[in-house]
Protein backbone atom coordinates (compact mmCIF):
# COMPACT_ATOMS: atom_id res chain seq x y z
CA ALA A 1 -13.15 30.24 -24.39
CA GLY A 2 -13.25 28.14 -27.51
CA ALA A 3 -10.05 29.16 -29.03
CA ALA A 4 -6.71 28.79 -27.05
CA ASP A 5 -6.01 31.58 -24.72
CA ALA A 6 -2.57 33.30 -24.80
CA ALA A 7 0.00 31.06 -23.18
CA PRO A 8 1.41 32.33 -20.05
CA ALA A 9 5.04 33.81 -20.25
CA ALA A 10 7.44 31.22 -19.95
CA SER A 11 9.65 33.58 -17.76
CA GLU A 12 7.08 33.87 -15.05
CA ALA A 13 7.91 31.77 -11.84
CA PRO A 14 5.00 29.52 -11.10
CA ARG A 15 2.59 30.67 -8.34
CA VAL A 16 1.86 28.75 -5.36
CA PHE A 17 -1.51 28.32 -3.73
CA PRO A 18 -2.72 26.35 -0.86
CA VAL A 19 -5.22 23.58 -0.56
CA THR A 20 -6.44 24.70 2.85
CA PRO A 21 -10.34 25.12 2.97
CA SER A 22 -11.77 28.77 2.24
CA ARG A 23 -14.91 30.34 1.36
CA LYS A 24 -15.57 32.49 -1.78
CA PRO A 25 -14.50 36.24 -1.33
CA ASP A 26 -18.38 37.07 -0.51
CA GLY A 27 -18.31 34.67 2.40
CA ARG A 28 -20.60 32.05 0.41
CA ARG A 29 -19.83 28.51 -0.13
CA TRP A 30 -18.28 27.43 -3.61
CA ARG A 31 -21.07 25.75 -5.92
CA LEU A 32 -19.90 22.64 -7.61
CA GLY A 33 -21.73 21.25 -10.97
CA TYR A 34 -21.22 18.04 -12.82
CA LEU A 35 -21.20 16.82 -16.59
CA GLN A 36 -20.99 13.63 -17.97
CA GLY A 37 -21.67 12.03 -21.56
CA GLY A 38 -23.52 9.13 -20.01
CA ASP A 39 -23.12 6.18 -17.47
CA TYR A 40 -19.64 4.27 -17.37
CA ALA A 41 -18.48 2.18 -14.45
CA ASP A 42 -15.56 4.46 -13.78
CA TYR A 43 -17.54 7.73 -13.32
CA PRO A 44 -19.05 7.12 -9.94
CA ILE A 45 -15.76 5.47 -8.69
CA ILE A 46 -13.87 8.59 -9.57
CA LEU A 47 -16.40 11.09 -8.49
CA SER A 48 -16.45 9.21 -4.87
CA ALA A 49 -12.64 9.23 -4.85
CA ILE A 50 -12.58 13.09 -5.56
CA VAL A 51 -15.07 13.64 -2.84
CA ARG A 52 -13.05 11.73 -0.52
CA GLY A 53 -9.95 13.63 -1.47
CA LEU A 54 -11.96 16.78 -0.44
CA MET A 55 -12.87 15.25 2.91
CA THR A 56 -9.01 14.33 3.30
CA LEU A 57 -7.92 18.17 2.62
CA GLY A 58 -10.86 19.36 5.20
CA TRP A 59 -13.06 20.83 2.78
CA MET A 60 -16.04 18.67 4.03
CA GLN A 61 -17.06 16.68 6.99
CA PRO A 62 -16.10 12.89 6.74
CA LEU A 63 -19.28 10.99 5.19
CA GLU A 64 -20.05 7.54 4.29
CA LEU A 65 -20.79 7.49 0.43
CA PRO A 66 -22.83 5.11 -1.43
CA ASP A 67 -21.20 2.04 -3.01
CA ALA A 68 -19.60 3.54 -6.13
CA HIS A 69 -19.73 -0.08 -7.69
CA ALA A 70 -23.65 -0.29 -7.25
CA ALA A 71 -24.64 3.47 -7.30
CA THR A 72 -24.63 5.62 -10.50
CA SER A 73 -22.94 9.13 -10.51
CA ARG A 74 -26.39 10.80 -10.40
CA GLU A 75 -27.45 8.88 -7.24
CA ILE A 76 -24.00 9.85 -5.69
CA TRP A 77 -24.43 13.52 -6.68
CA GLN A 78 -27.96 13.52 -5.41
CA PHE A 79 -26.62 12.01 -2.02
CA LEU A 80 -24.01 14.80 -1.72
CA ALA A 81 -26.43 17.31 -2.41
CA GLN A 82 -28.92 16.33 0.32
CA ASN A 83 -26.10 15.12 2.79
CA ALA A 84 -22.64 16.97 2.25
CA ASP A 85 -21.72 18.70 5.51
CA SER A 86 -19.47 21.56 4.58
CA PRO A 87 -19.12 25.47 5.35
CA TYR A 88 -17.08 25.56 2.22
CA LEU A 89 -18.69 23.54 -0.64
CA GLU A 90 -22.11 22.83 -2.06
CA PHE A 91 -23.02 20.14 -4.50
CA VAL A 92 -25.68 21.88 -6.52
CA PRO A 93 -28.86 19.75 -6.46
CA ASP A 94 -29.55 20.58 -10.03
CA GLY A 95 -26.08 21.09 -11.07
CA TYR A 96 -26.06 17.38 -12.53
CA TYR A 97 -26.04 17.22 -16.12
CA THR A 98 -25.82 14.02 -18.74
CA ALA A 99 -26.34 13.47 -22.21
CA GLY A 100 -28.70 10.53 -21.67
CA ASN A 101 -26.53 7.57 -21.96
CA PHE A 102 -23.77 8.77 -24.56
CA ASP A 103 -26.89 9.66 -26.76
CA ALA A 104 -25.48 12.03 -29.64
CA ALA A 105 -28.87 13.56 -30.02
CA LEU A 106 -29.04 14.66 -26.47
CA ARG A 107 -25.51 15.94 -26.51
CA GLU A 108 -26.07 19.28 -28.13
CA PRO A 109 -29.21 20.13 -26.06
CA THR A 110 -27.48 19.02 -22.97
CA ARG A 111 -24.39 21.52 -23.39
CA LYS A 112 -26.28 24.22 -24.69
CA ALA A 113 -28.52 24.35 -21.69
CA LEU A 114 -25.34 24.29 -19.45
CA TYR A 115 -23.59 26.97 -21.58
CA GLN A 116 -26.70 29.16 -21.01
CA ARG A 117 -26.82 28.54 -17.36
CA LEU A 118 -22.87 29.28 -16.98
CA ASN A 119 -23.10 32.41 -18.79
CA ASP A 120 -26.22 33.76 -17.84
CA ALA A 121 -27.14 32.64 -14.32
CA ARG A 122 -23.49 32.32 -13.11
CA ASP A 123 -24.48 30.07 -10.23
CA ILE A 124 -21.76 27.61 -10.47
CA ASP A 125 -18.35 28.22 -9.73
CA LEU A 126 -16.56 24.98 -10.92
CA MET A 127 -17.55 22.08 -13.17
CA ILE A 128 -16.30 18.58 -12.80
CA ALA A 129 -16.27 17.23 -16.45
CA MET A 130 -16.30 13.39 -16.30
CA GLY A 131 -15.06 11.56 -19.44
CA THR A 132 -14.16 12.65 -22.96
CA TRP A 133 -17.50 14.02 -24.12
CA ALA A 134 -17.81 16.33 -21.26
CA GLY A 135 -14.24 17.46 -21.27
CA GLN A 136 -14.50 18.38 -24.83
CA ASP A 137 -17.94 20.24 -24.29
CA LEU A 138 -16.61 22.11 -21.66
CA ALA A 139 -12.81 22.83 -22.74
CA THR A 140 -13.94 24.07 -26.25
CA GLY A 141 -17.28 25.65 -25.48
CA PRO A 142 -18.15 29.27 -25.09
CA VAL A 143 -17.72 29.23 -21.40
CA ASN A 144 -14.97 30.21 -18.71
CA VAL A 145 -16.10 28.49 -15.61
CA PRO A 146 -13.15 26.72 -13.87
CA THR A 147 -13.42 22.99 -15.24
CA VAL A 148 -11.43 19.91 -14.01
CA VAL A 149 -11.59 17.08 -16.44
CA ALA A 150 -11.33 13.64 -15.07
CA SER A 151 -11.61 10.00 -16.43
CA THR A 152 -10.38 10.57 -19.95
CA SER A 153 -8.35 8.02 -21.86
CA ASP A 154 -6.45 10.73 -23.58
CA PRO A 155 -7.31 14.33 -23.33
CA ILE A 156 -4.65 15.60 -25.65
CA ALA A 157 -5.80 13.03 -28.54
CA SER A 158 -9.19 14.05 -27.94
CA GLY A 159 -8.82 17.76 -28.36
CA ILE A 160 -9.45 18.64 -24.86
CA ILE A 161 -5.99 20.32 -24.03
CA GLU A 162 -3.13 21.25 -26.27
CA SER A 163 -0.30 19.35 -24.32
CA ALA A 164 0.49 17.61 -20.95
CA GLU A 165 2.34 21.08 -20.03
CA ASP A 166 -0.53 23.39 -21.03
CA SER A 167 -4.08 22.83 -21.47
CA GLY A 168 -4.52 25.95 -23.79
CA HIS A 169 -7.43 27.21 -22.00
CA ASP A 170 -7.19 29.32 -18.81
CA HIS A 171 -10.36 27.74 -17.42
CA VAL A 172 -9.30 23.91 -18.18
CA HIS A 173 -7.48 21.43 -16.14
CA ALA A 174 -7.27 17.74 -17.17
CA LYS A 175 -5.10 15.00 -15.80
CA VAL A 176 -2.46 13.38 -18.07
CA GLU A 177 -0.41 10.32 -17.73
CA PRO A 178 2.15 10.56 -20.32
CA GLU A 179 2.81 7.48 -22.72
CA ARG A 180 0.40 5.60 -20.26
CA TYR A 181 -0.91 3.23 -22.66
CA GLN A 182 2.65 2.69 -24.56
CA ARG A 183 4.01 1.87 -21.13
CA GLN A 184 1.30 -0.91 -20.68
CA ILE A 185 1.84 -2.29 -24.12
CA GLN A 186 5.67 -2.38 -23.53
CA LEU A 187 5.26 -4.12 -20.42
CA PHE A 188 2.63 -6.60 -21.74
CA HIS A 189 5.21 -7.23 -24.94
CA ASP A 190 8.29 -7.74 -22.47
CA ILE A 191 6.28 -10.40 -20.60
CA VAL A 192 4.42 -12.03 -23.57
CA PRO A 193 6.35 -11.36 -26.73
CA PHE A 194 3.39 -11.52 -29.07
CA GLU A 195 3.63 -11.21 -32.73
CA SER A 196 -0.17 -9.78 -32.96
CA LEU A 197 -2.35 -8.04 -30.66
CA GLY A 198 -6.16 -7.88 -30.72
CA ILE A 199 -8.00 -4.78 -29.76
CA VAL A 200 -11.76 -3.75 -29.83
CA TYR A 201 -12.88 -0.06 -30.45
CA GLU A 202 -15.62 2.00 -32.03
CA ASP A 203 -14.44 3.06 -35.43
CA SER A 204 -14.89 6.82 -34.70
CA PRO A 205 -12.41 9.59 -33.14
CA GLU A 206 -13.73 9.13 -29.76
CA GLY A 207 -13.70 5.32 -29.91
CA ARG A 208 -10.11 5.56 -31.18
CA THR A 209 -9.26 7.66 -28.01
CA PHE A 210 -11.03 5.50 -25.55
CA GLY A 211 -9.27 2.55 -26.93
CA GLY A 212 -5.92 4.16 -26.81
CA VAL A 213 -5.38 3.12 -30.67
CA ASP A 214 -2.93 5.66 -31.55
CA ALA A 215 -0.63 4.33 -28.66
CA VAL A 216 -1.37 0.61 -29.89
CA GLU A 217 -0.40 1.62 -33.47
CA GLU A 218 2.79 3.68 -32.46
CA MET A 219 3.81 0.55 -30.31
CA SER A 220 3.14 -1.95 -33.31
CA ARG A 221 5.42 0.13 -35.35
CA ARG A 222 8.04 0.36 -32.43
CA LEU A 223 7.93 -3.40 -31.51
CA GLY A 224 6.89 -4.95 -34.73
CA PHE A 225 3.70 -6.58 -34.19
CA LYS A 226 0.40 -6.60 -36.25
CA VAL A 227 -2.84 -5.13 -34.94
CA GLN A 228 -5.78 -7.33 -35.28
CA ALA A 229 -8.86 -4.98 -34.82
CA CYS A 230 -12.61 -5.32 -34.40
CA HIS A 231 -14.94 -2.43 -34.33
CA ALA A 232 -17.85 -2.34 -31.81
CA ALA A 233 -20.19 0.57 -31.69
CA PHE A 234 -20.82 2.30 -28.19
CA ASN A 235 -22.52 5.69 -29.18
CA ASN A 236 -26.10 5.60 -29.93
CA VAL A 237 -26.69 1.92 -29.13
CA THR A 238 -28.24 0.48 -25.94
CA ALA A 239 -26.00 -0.69 -23.05
CA ALA A 240 -26.98 -4.40 -24.14
CA GLU A 241 -26.19 -3.88 -27.80
CA ALA A 242 -22.84 -2.54 -26.79
CA GLU A 243 -22.18 -5.51 -24.52
CA GLN A 244 -23.20 -7.72 -27.21
CA ALA A 245 -20.87 -6.19 -29.83
CA VAL A 246 -17.81 -6.24 -27.61
CA GLU A 247 -18.25 -9.97 -26.79
CA SER A 248 -18.64 -10.78 -30.31
CA CYS A 249 -15.53 -8.72 -31.19
CA TYR A 250 -13.32 -10.16 -28.39
CA ALA A 251 -14.48 -13.69 -29.44
CA ARG A 252 -13.22 -12.88 -33.16
CA VAL A 253 -9.77 -11.32 -32.09
CA ALA A 254 -9.16 -14.01 -29.45
CA GLY A 255 -9.07 -16.60 -32.43
CA ASP A 256 -7.04 -14.24 -34.73
CA ALA A 257 -4.41 -12.71 -32.43
CA ASP A 258 -1.49 -13.91 -30.11
CA ALA A 259 -2.49 -11.75 -27.21
CA VAL A 260 -5.50 -9.40 -26.41
CA TYR A 261 -5.59 -5.70 -25.10
CA ILE A 262 -8.89 -4.96 -23.16
CA THR A 263 -9.48 -1.40 -24.01
CA VAL A 264 -12.01 1.01 -22.53
CA HIS A 265 -15.31 0.72 -24.03
CA ARG A 266 -18.80 1.21 -22.92
CA GLY A 267 -19.65 -2.30 -23.71
CA VAL A 268 -16.91 -3.87 -21.34
CA THR A 269 -19.17 -4.14 -18.08
CA ALA A 270 -19.31 -6.47 -15.13
CA LYS A 271 -22.08 -8.26 -17.06
CA SER A 272 -20.16 -8.70 -20.40
CA LEU A 273 -16.62 -9.26 -18.90
CA GLY A 274 -17.38 -13.00 -18.05
CA GLY A 275 -18.28 -13.79 -21.56
CA ILE A 276 -15.33 -11.96 -22.74
CA VAL A 277 -12.99 -13.97 -20.46
CA GLN A 278 -14.67 -17.06 -21.60
CA SER A 279 -13.62 -16.36 -25.16
CA LEU A 280 -10.06 -15.66 -24.07
CA LEU A 281 -9.66 -18.74 -21.87
CA LYS A 282 -11.26 -20.97 -24.75
CA ALA A 283 -8.62 -19.49 -27.14
CA GLN A 284 -5.89 -19.77 -24.45
CA VAL A 285 -4.51 -16.13 -25.46
CA PRO A 286 -2.89 -13.99 -22.70
CA SER A 287 -4.77 -10.66 -22.21
CA PHE A 288 -3.95 -7.34 -20.66
CA SER A 289 -6.52 -4.89 -19.32
CA MET A 290 -6.22 -1.23 -19.99
CA LEU A 291 -8.25 -0.10 -17.22
CA GLY A 292 -6.81 -1.96 -14.18
CA SER A 293 -6.71 -4.77 -11.67
CA GLU A 294 -10.50 -5.05 -11.22
CA GLU A 295 -10.71 -6.65 -14.90
CA VAL A 296 -7.57 -9.02 -13.63
CA ARG A 297 -9.79 -10.12 -10.48
CA ARG A 298 -12.54 -10.90 -12.99
CA GLY A 299 -10.05 -13.19 -15.19
CA ILE A 300 -7.98 -10.83 -17.38
CA LEU A 301 -4.46 -12.28 -17.37
CA MET A 302 -2.67 -9.08 -16.15
CA SER A 303 -2.67 -5.32 -15.92
CA MET A 304 -1.27 -2.43 -14.02
CA ALA A 305 -2.00 -2.71 -10.38
CA GLN A 306 -4.30 -0.05 -8.92
CA ALA A 307 -5.62 -1.21 -5.59
CA ASP A 308 -8.11 1.82 -5.40
CA TYR A 309 -8.46 5.46 -6.91
CA THR A 310 -7.66 7.28 -3.96
CA PRO A 311 -4.49 8.89 -5.30
CA VAL A 312 -6.28 9.86 -8.46
CA GLY A 313 -9.19 11.44 -6.34
CA LEU A 314 -6.62 13.46 -4.07
CA PHE A 315 -5.03 14.67 -7.02
CA HIS A 316 -8.17 16.33 -8.39
CA ALA A 317 -9.27 17.25 -5.15
CA GLU A 318 -6.03 19.40 -4.44
CA ILE A 319 -6.58 20.69 -7.95
CA ILE A 320 -10.01 22.08 -7.00
CA ALA A 321 -8.86 23.25 -3.78
CA ARG A 322 -5.96 25.58 -5.46
CA ILE A 323 -8.58 26.78 -7.93
CA PHE A 324 -10.78 27.99 -5.01
CA ASN A 325 -7.63 29.31 -3.54
CA GLY A 326 -7.15 31.62 -6.68
CA ALA A 327 -5.39 29.46 -9.30
CA LEU A 328 -6.19 29.44 -12.81
CA PRO A 329 -6.84 25.76 -13.75
CA ARG A 330 -4.23 26.23 -16.67
CA GLU A 331 -1.27 27.10 -14.41
CA LEU A 332 -1.52 23.92 -12.34
CA SER A 333 0.56 20.86 -13.28
CA GLN A 334 -1.49 18.37 -15.33
CA ILE A 335 0.91 15.37 -14.94
CA TRP A 336 0.08 12.36 -12.78
CA LEU A 337 2.18 9.28 -13.01
CA SER A 338 0.62 5.82 -11.76
CA PRO A 339 3.09 3.81 -10.28
CA SER A 340 4.35 0.83 -12.48
CA GLU A 341 2.99 -2.08 -10.50
CA ILE A 342 1.70 -5.35 -11.86
CA ALA A 343 -1.50 -7.19 -11.23
CA ILE A 344 -1.69 -10.91 -12.40
CA ASN A 345 -4.46 -13.54 -12.20
CA LEU A 346 -2.59 -17.01 -11.55
CA LYS A 347 -5.64 -18.91 -12.29
CA THR A 348 -6.07 -17.47 -15.68
CA ALA A 349 -2.35 -18.19 -16.27
CA GLU A 350 -2.90 -21.72 -15.25
CA LEU A 351 -6.01 -22.08 -17.61
CA ILE A 352 -4.34 -20.71 -20.66
CA GLY A 353 -0.95 -22.60 -20.09
CA PHE A 354 1.21 -19.48 -19.50
CA ASP A 355 3.97 -19.84 -16.82
CA PRO A 356 4.84 -16.30 -15.75
CA PRO A 357 8.53 -15.74 -15.14
CA ILE A 358 9.37 -15.56 -11.67
CA ASP A 359 10.57 -11.94 -11.71
CA ILE A 360 7.14 -10.86 -12.70
CA LEU A 361 5.80 -12.67 -9.88
CA LEU A 362 8.24 -11.30 -7.49
CA ALA A 363 7.38 -7.66 -9.04
CA SER A 364 3.61 -8.36 -8.77
CA ASP A 365 1.71 -6.12 -6.16
CA GLU A 366 -1.52 -7.83 -6.84
CA VAL A 367 -1.89 -11.56 -7.32
CA TYR A 368 -5.10 -13.28 -7.82
CA ASP A 369 -5.58 -16.93 -7.63
CA THR A 370 -9.03 -17.34 -8.57
CA ILE A 371 -11.35 -15.78 -11.16
CA GLY A 372 -14.12 -13.71 -9.58
CA ASP A 373 -15.00 -12.28 -6.10
CA ALA A 374 -11.86 -12.99 -4.32
CA THR A 375 -9.25 -11.07 -2.36
CA PRO A 376 -5.60 -10.78 -3.88
CA SER A 377 -2.97 -12.86 -2.36
CA PRO A 378 -0.16 -10.69 -0.54
């Protein structure tokens, strides 16, 4: 693969592929593999959502999965390898690969071992690439096994695919949400007309991608606000070090900016979020979560609402089904648009002295009135 394959002719009518279950032409089951760069909270949640999507489509029998908020993706994969009941799919027991915990020293040997297996043993029919590292390694590496890339902040900016319309590689499909972060920042600015926005990210190409930095800078020029940035490492540091770095950074930008955008970062975890929220409350600055409403439940002021990952999981499951029914990953649409719904935490609003406009309250799909473990008000 490596270089981009020749683009399909524009005049060709798109082929149509079913999502109905099917076996391989030789009658055997399709074998699935998995690659990630390290542990991240979203990965087991999205993996579980994909599996539930495959259940919905009939590719496997209904199965109660481990709690994705408590289990690692490895634990979920091992559970599937042992318990999945399907005449069509097999979650290969030793088909799970990870570069430690975003360990750069392990990334190359991990991908080399996987490349060798995919090219020599040829015993895996499709790879789920979870996250940016995995997407980069399987999209641009010397392999051609169908690859479905999930949970990437920006697959275009990170070089996984060429554009929203064309992955550039016959074997690659990656979900794209055009201008997702620009839409978030526009919404945040419409509600809170800030003059400076604080963000935290690792100062590396990957860190900028995870943090949507290009989108933030684009919107700063478009809307005329300043960006107050603080750099916090997430590669080649322990989880505790990453958490400590983001807590320190968010405390700093909370004191420097009119508003804060909570970006995707390995250090933003259930453990560190409490400290981040306390810094934001102390500084009385409004905040917006890039990730979604789970962080709003924990005390971030607002985000785009996403009650669960069912639609995303079904989207990826349908792509997998169409690939197994003969589609090239490249010829399937990559565009997925999340609904523009709002999640807001009224307790946080009260504590920082922010009075939400009534039209925002009416438009909000998830309204929290406590910080922490509580269900949203209808």
